[in-house]
Protein backbone atom coordinates (compact mmCIF):
# COMPACT_ATOMS: atom_id res chain seq x y z
CA UNK A 1 -5.57 -1.26 4.69
CA UNK A 2 -2.88 -3.69 3.88
CA UNK A 3 -0.71 -3.04 0.53
CA UNK A 4 2.28 -4.75 -0.99
CA UNK A 5 3.72 -3.68 -4.36
CA UNK A 6 5.30 -5.76 -6.99
CA UNK A 7 8.06 -4.88 -9.39
CA UNK A 8 6.05 -4.41 -12.65
CA UNK A 9 7.53 -0.91 -13.25
CA UNK A 10 4.14 0.30 -14.72
CA UNK A 11 2.12 2.92 -12.79
CA UNK A 12 -1.48 2.88 -12.65
CA UNK A 13 -3.13 5.68 -14.31
CA UNK A 14 -6.57 7.02 -15.21
CA UNK A 15 -6.31 5.37 -18.56
CA UNK A 16 -5.42 1.91 -17.20
CA UNK A 17 -8.12 2.04 -14.70
CA UNK A 18 -10.62 3.13 -17.20
CA UNK A 19 -9.52 0.01 -19.29
CA UNK A 20 -9.90 -2.39 -16.46
CA UNK A 21 -13.30 -1.11 -15.88
CA UNK A 22 -14.08 -1.66 -19.63
CA UNK A 23 -15.03 -5.50 -19.22
CA UNK A 24 -18.83 -5.18 -19.98
CA UNK A 25 -19.35 -8.65 -18.39
CA UNK A 26 -18.15 -7.32 -14.96
CA UNK A 27 -19.33 -3.62 -15.49
CA UNK A 28 -22.11 -3.54 -17.80
CA UNK A 29 -23.60 -0.32 -16.85
CA UNK A 30 -20.43 2.03 -17.44
CA UNK A 31 -20.19 4.01 -20.41
CA UNK A 32 -17.12 3.80 -22.94
CA UNK A 33 -16.59 7.54 -22.25
CA UNK A 34 -16.68 7.35 -18.44
CA UNK A 35 -15.50 10.87 -17.39
CA UNK A 36 -12.90 11.05 -14.30
CA UNK A 37 -15.57 12.80 -12.10
CA UNK A 38 -18.71 10.83 -13.14
CA UNK A 39 -20.19 8.82 -10.22
CA UNK A 40 -19.20 5.26 -9.98
CA UNK A 41 -20.59 2.79 -8.04
CA UNK A 42 -18.96 -0.48 -7.77
CA UNK A 43 -20.66 -3.62 -6.57
CA UNK A 44 -18.91 -6.21 -4.20
CA UNK A 45 -18.32 -8.60 -7.22
CA UNK A 46 -17.06 -5.92 -9.36
CA UNK A 47 -14.49 -4.50 -6.68
CA UNK A 48 -13.36 -7.96 -6.01
CA UNK A 49 -12.64 -8.53 -9.68
CA UNK A 50 -10.85 -5.26 -10.17
CA UNK A 51 -8.90 -5.86 -6.99
CA UNK A 52 -7.78 -9.23 -8.30
CA UNK A 53 -6.90 -7.84 -11.80
CA UNK A 54 -4.96 -5.21 -10.02
CA UNK A 55 -2.87 -7.69 -8.37
CA UNK A 56 -2.29 -9.78 -11.52
CA UNK A 57 -1.15 -6.91 -13.64
CA UNK A 58 0.47 -4.66 -11.26
CA UNK A 59 1.52 -6.99 -8.27
CA UNK A 60 -0.38 -4.83 -5.84
CA UNK A 61 -2.35 -6.37 -3.11
CA UNK A 62 -5.02 -3.77 -1.81
CA UNK A 63 -7.29 -4.57 1.00
CA UNK A 64 -9.51 -1.46 1.23
CA UNK A 65 -11.37 -0.70 4.54
CA UNK A 66 -15.00 0.05 4.43
CA UNK A 67 -14.24 3.78 4.66
CA UNK A 68 -11.92 3.23 1.74
CA UNK A 69 -14.49 1.51 -0.37
CA UNK A 70 -17.04 4.36 0.51
CA UNK A 71 -14.74 7.04 -1.11
CA UNK A 72 -14.21 5.12 -4.32
CA UNK A 73 -16.87 7.06 -6.17
CA UNK A 74 -15.44 8.32 -9.15
CA UNK A 75 -12.79 7.14 -11.73
CA UNK A 76 -10.44 10.01 -10.31
CA UNK A 77 -10.81 8.79 -6.94
CA UNK A 78 -10.31 5.05 -7.66
CA UNK A 79 -7.10 5.82 -9.85
CA UNK A 80 -5.85 8.03 -6.93
CA UNK A 81 -6.40 5.33 -4.47
CA UNK A 82 -4.60 2.70 -6.47
CA UNK A 83 -1.84 4.81 -7.42
CA UNK A 84 -1.34 6.09 -3.85
CA UNK A 85 -1.35 2.41 -2.79
CA UNK A 86 1.24 1.62 -5.52
CA UNK A 87 3.43 4.23 -4.17
CA UNK A 88 3.13 3.13 -0.55
CA UNK A 89 1.21 6.45 0.28
CA UNK A 90 -2.02 4.70 1.61
CA UNK A 91 -2.33 4.21 5.30
CA UNK A 92 -1.91 0.82 6.82
CA UNK A 93 -3.88 -1.19 9.29
CA UNK A 94 -3.88 0.57 12.63
């Protein structure tokens, strides 16, 4: 995965990711009270939109591998992945 960070100074948190997922036009099936460990299934359109918004808001470009995508199964895991990418802690392309 390739990443680059912007200089927004704002950390990606569980609450900020939950807010990004609150767009009912893109994620119509997600409950308002989405728990951190509740099963999360993002379709390809939703994932593309989410990564686009992350780039706009945080200046973070993330290109997850298929393996990365398979692991994004909860709000906690998605937040951890984006937070690690923001801090430069996600592995790069090999």
